[in-house]
């Protein structure tokens, strides 16, 4: 069976159950931590697939990877995944849960790129502007890229607003070449 299909089924079931238990936000936080653990500890995936490792040891590793003290909902889910022998899909399940949760809560990922650090109030104004335009909640990432010289680049969903000085200079150069 396809890994994407399996992980999405498990993630949907976990989201549905966590909503019933009114723990979807807590489980979201734990799944984010678990997904990040796979990135931070590349050997985690290999260890969980190791056939010699006992289920109890795998469970301890997964619990540690979720932050140490996961909710009862997450603990039960981990037990189910291990009982079904689906631990090799856990990274994909965690990522799928994060995606489904964000879609369910109408979260939008956004990115603000500036040449220098901006104040929190400026960042908050940009975030509010995006939230008004999308009628969703924005998770904002702020990056500093001195190569844009000045201005900013705002990205969310499929939208990109490039108001950087480097882009404006590039546009001027293109116009000059046409003349």
C-alpha atoms as a PDB file:
ATOM      1  CA  UNK A   1       0.000   0.000   0.000  1.00  0.00           C
ATOM      2  CA  UNK A   2       1.116   3.578  -0.680  1.00  0.00           C
ATOM      3  CA  UNK A   3       2.902   5.374   2.203  1.00  0.00           C
ATOM      4  CA  UNK A   4       1.015   8.609   1.510  1.00  0.00           C
ATOM      5  CA  UNK A   5      -2.340   6.851   1.604  1.00  0.00           C
ATOM      6  CA  UNK A   6      -1.530   5.020   4.836  1.00  0.00           C
ATOM      7  CA  UNK A   7      -0.159   8.096   6.579  1.00  0.00           C
ATOM      8  CA  UNK A   8      -3.130  10.223   5.526  1.00  0.00           C
ATOM      9  CA  UNK A   9      -5.630   7.639   6.812  1.00  0.00           C
ATOM     10  CA  UNK A  10      -3.916   7.448  10.185  1.00  0.00           C
ATOM     11  CA  UNK A  11      -3.556  11.240  10.366  1.00  0.00           C
ATOM     12  CA  UNK A  12      -7.271  11.746   9.568  1.00  0.00           C
ATOM     13  CA  UNK A  13      -8.241   9.239  12.229  1.00  0.00           C
ATOM     14  CA  UNK A  14      -5.969  10.923  14.770  1.00  0.00           C
ATOM     15  CA  UNK A  15      -7.368  14.367  13.931  1.00  0.00           C
ATOM     16  CA  UNK A  16     -10.949  13.136  14.186  1.00  0.00           C
ATOM     17  CA  UNK A  17     -10.263  11.437  17.520  1.00  0.00           C
ATOM     18  CA  UNK A  18      -8.299  14.386  18.937  1.00  0.00           C
ATOM     19  CA  UNK A  19     -11.168  16.744  18.003  1.00  0.00           C
ATOM     20  CA  UNK A  20     -13.602  14.452  19.820  1.00  0.00           C
ATOM     21  CA  UNK A  21     -11.299  14.509  22.842  1.00  0.00           C
ATOM     22  CA  UNK A  22     -10.881  18.311  22.517  1.00  0.00           C
ATOM     23  CA  UNK A  23      -7.110  17.819  22.375  1.00  0.00           C
ATOM     24  CA  UNK A  24      -6.433  18.647  18.722  1.00  0.00           C
ATOM     25  CA  UNK A  25      -4.233  21.637  19.573  1.00  0.00           C
ATOM     26  CA  UNK A  26      -2.171  19.642  22.069  1.00  0.00           C
ATOM     27  CA  UNK A  27      -1.788  16.744  19.618  1.00  0.00           C
ATOM     28  CA  UNK A  28      -0.841  19.278  16.913  1.00  0.00           C
ATOM     29  CA  UNK A  29       1.970  20.551  19.114  1.00  0.00           C
ATOM     30  CA  UNK A  30       3.142  16.983  19.790  1.00  0.00           C
ATOM     31  CA  UNK A  31       3.043  16.047  16.100  1.00  0.00           C
ATOM     32  CA  UNK A  32       5.036  19.180  15.242  1.00  0.00           C
ATOM     33  CA  UNK A  33       7.645  18.154  17.815  1.00  0.00           C
ATOM     34  CA  UNK A  34       7.691  14.599  16.474  1.00  0.00           C
ATOM     35  CA  UNK A  35       8.100  15.789  12.869  1.00  0.00           C
ATOM     36  CA  UNK A  36      10.933  18.084  13.962  1.00  0.00           C
ATOM     37  CA  UNK A  37      12.577  15.208  15.852  1.00  0.00           C
ATOM     38  CA  UNK A  38      12.823  13.236  12.621  1.00  0.00           C
ATOM     39  CA  UNK A  39      14.683  16.165  11.069  1.00  0.00           C
ATOM     40  CA  UNK A  40      16.921  16.770  14.086  1.00  0.00           C
ATOM     41  CA  UNK A  41      17.732  13.061  14.588  1.00  0.00           C
ATOM     42  CA  UNK A  42      18.035  11.430  11.162  1.00  0.00           C
ATOM     43  CA  UNK A  43      18.719   8.005  12.713  1.00  0.00           C
ATOM     44  CA  UNK A  44      15.294   7.958  14.385  1.00  0.00           C
ATOM     45  CA  UNK A  45      13.593   6.599  11.272  1.00  0.00           C
ATOM     46  CA  UNK A  46      16.213   3.852  10.922  1.00  0.00           C
ATOM     47  CA  UNK A  47      15.963   2.882  14.608  1.00  0.00           C
ATOM     48  CA  UNK A  48      12.171   2.630  14.539  1.00  0.00           C
ATOM     49  CA  UNK A  49      12.329   0.309  11.533  1.00  0.00           C
ATOM     50  CA  UNK A  50      14.955  -1.939  13.127  1.00  0.00           C
ATOM     51  CA  UNK A  51      13.405  -5.414  13.491  1.00  0.00           C
ATOM     52  CA  UNK A  52      15.439  -6.415  16.570  1.00  0.00           C
ATOM     53  CA  UNK A  53      14.249  -3.469  18.667  1.00  0.00           C
ATOM     54  CA  UNK A  54      11.378  -4.331  21.010  1.00  0.00           C
ATOM     55  CA  UNK A  55       8.049  -2.463  20.751  1.00  0.00           C
ATOM     56  CA  UNK A  56       8.535  -1.052  24.272  1.00  0.00           C
ATOM     57  CA  UNK A  57      11.878   0.471  23.275  1.00  0.00           C
ATOM     58  CA  UNK A  58      10.352   1.919  20.132  1.00  0.00           C
ATOM     59  CA  UNK A  59       7.515   3.375  22.188  1.00  0.00           C
ATOM     60  CA  UNK A  60       9.983   5.026  24.576  1.00  0.00           C
ATOM     61  CA  UNK A  61      11.854   6.578  21.643  1.00  0.00           C
ATOM     62  CA  UNK A  62       8.655   7.888  20.070  1.00  0.00           C
ATOM     63  CA  UNK A  63       7.446   9.314  23.385  1.00  0.00           C
ATOM     64  CA  UNK A  64      10.783  11.073  23.825  1.00  0.00           C
ATOM     65  CA  UNK A  65      10.548  12.376  20.247  1.00  0.00           C
ATOM     66  CA  UNK A  66       7.114  13.909  20.976  1.00  0.00           C
ATOM     67  CA  UNK A  67       8.497  15.982  23.807  1.00  0.00           C
ATOM     68  CA  UNK A  68       8.679  13.529  26.692  1.00  0.00           C
ATOM     69  CA  UNK A  69       5.172  13.624  28.171  1.00  0.00           C
ATOM     70  CA  UNK A  70       2.614  13.267  25.394  1.00  0.00           C
ATOM     71  CA  UNK A  71      -1.127  13.486  25.949  1.00  0.00           C
ATOM     72  CA  UNK A  72      -3.186  10.352  26.529  1.00  0.00           C
ATOM     73  CA  UNK A  73      -4.542  10.701  22.988  1.00  0.00           C
ATOM     74  CA  UNK A  74      -1.042  10.683  21.507  1.00  0.00           C
ATOM     75  CA  UNK A  75       0.051   7.797  23.756  1.00  0.00           C
ATOM     76  CA  UNK A  76      -2.913   5.715  22.631  1.00  0.00           C
ATOM     77  CA  UNK A  77      -2.174   6.585  19.026  1.00  0.00           C
ATOM     78  CA  UNK A  78       1.483   5.582  19.366  1.00  0.00           C
ATOM     79  CA  UNK A  79       0.388   2.244  20.863  1.00  0.00           C
ATOM     80  CA  UNK A  80      -1.997   1.692  17.941  1.00  0.00           C
ATOM     81  CA  UNK A  81       0.684   2.504  15.355  1.00  0.00           C
ATOM     82  CA  UNK A  82       3.117   0.086  17.011  1.00  0.00           C
ATOM     83  CA  UNK A  83       0.475  -2.651  17.376  1.00  0.00           C
ATOM     84  CA  UNK A  84      -0.320  -2.368  13.667  1.00  0.00           C
ATOM     85  CA  UNK A  85       3.392  -2.368  12.723  1.00  0.00           C
ATOM     86  CA  UNK A  86       3.127   1.031  11.033  1.00  0.00           C
ATOM     87  CA  UNK A  87       5.981   2.781  12.858  1.00  0.00           C
ATOM     88  CA  UNK A  88       7.895   3.225   9.603  1.00  0.00           C
ATOM     89  CA  UNK A  89       5.118   5.614   8.488  1.00  0.00           C
ATOM     90  CA  UNK A  90       5.129   7.690  11.676  1.00  0.00           C
ATOM     91  CA  UNK A  91       7.105  10.591  10.217  1.00  0.00           C
ATOM     92  CA  UNK A  92       4.642  10.853   7.327  1.00  0.00           C
ATOM     93  CA  UNK A  93       1.692  10.511   9.700  1.00  0.00           C
ATOM     94  CA  UNK A  94       2.980  13.361  11.865  1.00  0.00           C
ATOM     95  CA  UNK A  95       3.490  15.610   8.834  1.00  0.00           C
ATOM     96  CA  UNK A  96       0.073  14.675   7.444  1.00  0.00           C
ATOM     97  CA  UNK A  97      -1.573  15.465  10.790  1.00  0.00           C
ATOM     98  CA  UNK A  98       0.090  18.896  10.832  1.00  0.00           C
ATOM     99  CA  UNK A  99      -1.187  19.574   7.304  1.00  0.00           C
ATOM    100  CA  UNK A 100      -4.727  18.385   8.096  1.00  0.00           C
ATOM    101  CA  UNK A 101      -4.837  20.364  11.344  1.00  0.00           C
ATOM    102  CA  UNK A 102      -3.715  23.552   9.597  1.00  0.00           C
ATOM    103  CA  UNK A 103      -6.343  23.045   6.911  1.00  0.00           C
ATOM    104  CA  UNK A 104      -9.003  22.330   9.549  1.00  0.00           C
ATOM    105  CA  UNK A 105      -8.136  25.483  11.509  1.00  0.00           C
ATOM    106  CA  UNK A 106      -7.644  27.547   8.329  1.00  0.00           C
ATOM    107  CA  UNK A 107      -3.987  28.221   9.140  1.00  0.00           C
ATOM    108  CA  UNK A 108      -1.899  29.786   6.433  1.00  0.00           C
ATOM    109  CA  UNK A 109       1.871  29.658   6.345  1.00  0.00           C
ATOM    110  CA  UNK A 110       3.448  32.997   5.591  1.00  0.00           C
ATOM    111  CA  UNK A 111       6.957  34.290   5.185  1.00  0.00           C
ATOM    112  CA  UNK A 112       8.263  37.823   5.522  1.00  0.00           C
ATOM    113  CA  UNK A 113      11.753  38.422   4.158  1.00  0.00           C
ATOM    114  CA  UNK A 114      13.484  41.700   4.987  1.00  0.00           C
ATOM    115  CA  UNK A 115      16.985  43.107   4.579  1.00  0.00           C
ATOM    116  CA  UNK A 116      17.255  43.897   8.310  1.00  0.00           C
ATOM    117  CA  UNK A 117      15.329  42.872  11.393  1.00  0.00           C
ATOM    118  CA  UNK A 118      11.886  44.467  11.751  1.00  0.00           C
ATOM    119  CA  UNK A 119      10.067  45.383  14.940  1.00  0.00           C
ATOM    120  CA  UNK A 120       7.437  43.082  16.375  1.00  0.00           C
ATOM    121  CA  UNK A 121       4.763  45.697  15.692  1.00  0.00           C
ATOM    122  CA  UNK A 122       5.682  45.810  11.986  1.00  0.00           C
ATOM    123  CA  UNK A 123       5.645  42.035  11.792  1.00  0.00           C
ATOM    124  CA  UNK A 124       2.274  41.965  13.564  1.00  0.00           C
ATOM    125  CA  UNK A 125       0.819  44.541  11.117  1.00  0.00           C
ATOM    126  CA  UNK A 126       1.909  42.417   8.162  1.00  0.00           C
ATOM    127  CA  UNK A 127       0.443  39.335   9.798  1.00  0.00           C
ATOM    128  CA  UNK A 128      -2.878  41.102  10.422  1.00  0.00           C
ATOM    129  CA  UNK A 129      -2.974  42.311   6.820  1.00  0.00           C
ATOM    130  CA  UNK A 130      -2.582  38.754   5.547  1.00  0.00           C
ATOM    131  CA  UNK A 131      -5.190  37.463   8.010  1.00  0.00           C
ATOM    132  CA  UNK A 132      -7.706  40.078   6.808  1.00  0.00           C
ATOM    133  CA  UNK A 133      -7.099  39.176   3.170  1.00  0.00           C
ATOM    134  CA  UNK A 134      -7.321  35.409   3.704  1.00  0.00           C
ATOM    135  CA  UNK A 135      -9.840  35.160   6.557  1.00  0.00           C
ATOM    136  CA  UNK A 136      -7.472  32.685   8.174  1.00  0.00           C
ATOM    137  CA  UNK A 137      -4.894  32.495  10.915  1.00  0.00           C
ATOM    138  CA  UNK A 138      -1.334  33.035   9.769  1.00  0.00           C
ATOM    139  CA  UNK A 139       1.754  31.255  11.044  1.00  0.00           C
ATOM    140  CA  UNK A 140       4.483  33.705  10.142  1.00  0.00           C
ATOM    141  CA  UNK A 141       8.154  33.054   9.588  1.00  0.00           C
ATOM    142  CA  UNK A 142      10.436  36.079   9.434  1.00  0.00           C
ATOM    143  CA  UNK A 143      13.743  35.823   7.600  1.00  0.00           C
ATOM    144  CA  UNK A 144      16.555  38.303   7.108  1.00  0.00           C
ATOM    145  CA  UNK A 145      18.241  38.414   3.698  1.00  0.00           C
ATOM    146  CA  UNK A 146      20.643  41.351   3.232  1.00  0.00           C
ATOM    147  CA  UNK A 147      20.816  40.643  -0.516  1.00  0.00           C
ATOM    148  CA  UNK A 148      17.377  42.203  -1.057  1.00  0.00           C
ATOM    149  CA  UNK A 149      19.038  45.521  -0.028  1.00  0.00           C
ATOM    150  CA  UNK A 150      15.833  47.020   1.389  1.00  0.00           C
ATOM    151  CA  UNK A 151      12.059  46.671   1.355  1.00  0.00           C
ATOM    152  CA  UNK A 152      10.464  43.276   1.866  1.00  0.00           C
ATOM    153  CA  UNK A 153       9.163  40.108   0.238  1.00  0.00           C
ATOM    154  CA  UNK A 154       5.865  38.738   1.529  1.00  0.00           C
ATOM    155  CA  UNK A 155       4.778  35.192   0.683  1.00  0.00           C
ATOM    156  CA  UNK A 156       1.683  33.253   1.718  1.00  0.00           C
ATOM    157  CA  UNK A 157      -0.309  30.514   0.027  1.00  0.00           C
ATOM    158  CA  UNK A 158       0.471  31.033  -3.651  1.00  0.00           C
ATOM    159  CA  UNK A 159       0.793  34.810  -3.317  1.00  0.00           C
ATOM    160  CA  UNK A 160       4.137  36.628  -3.485  1.00  0.00           C
ATOM    161  CA  UNK A 161       4.645  40.368  -3.137  1.00  0.00           C
ATOM    162  CA  UNK A 162       8.205  41.393  -3.910  1.00  0.00           C
ATOM    163  CA  UNK A 163       8.680  44.998  -2.772  1.00  0.00           C
ATOM    164  CA  UNK A 164      12.430  44.663  -2.364  1.00  0.00           C
ATOM    165  CA  UNK A 165      14.953  47.195  -3.583  1.00  0.00           C
ATOM    166  CA  UNK A 166      16.854  44.466  -5.436  1.00  0.00           C
ATOM    167  CA  UNK A 167      13.685  43.577  -7.375  1.00  0.00           C
ATOM    168  CA  UNK A 168      13.044  47.217  -8.230  1.00  0.00           C
ATOM    169  CA  UNK A 169      16.633  47.591  -9.478  1.00  0.00           C
ATOM    170  CA  UNK A 170      16.214  44.431 -11.552  1.00  0.00           C
ATOM    171  CA  UNK A 171      13.023  45.874 -13.090  1.00  0.00           C
ATOM    172  CA  UNK A 172      14.819  49.105 -13.966  1.00  0.00           C
ATOM    173  CA  UNK A 173      17.663  47.147 -15.590  1.00  0.00           C
ATOM    174  CA  UNK A 174      15.157  45.192 -17.704  1.00  0.00           C
ATOM    175  CA  UNK A 175      13.509  48.407 -18.864  1.00  0.00           C
ATOM    176  CA  UNK A 176      16.862  49.940 -19.769  1.00  0.00           C
ATOM    177  CA  UNK A 177      17.821  46.874 -21.800  1.00  0.00           C
ATOM    178  CA  UNK A 178      14.612  47.143 -23.832  1.00  0.00           C
ATOM    179  CA  UNK A 179      15.359  50.724 -24.833  1.00  0.00           C
END
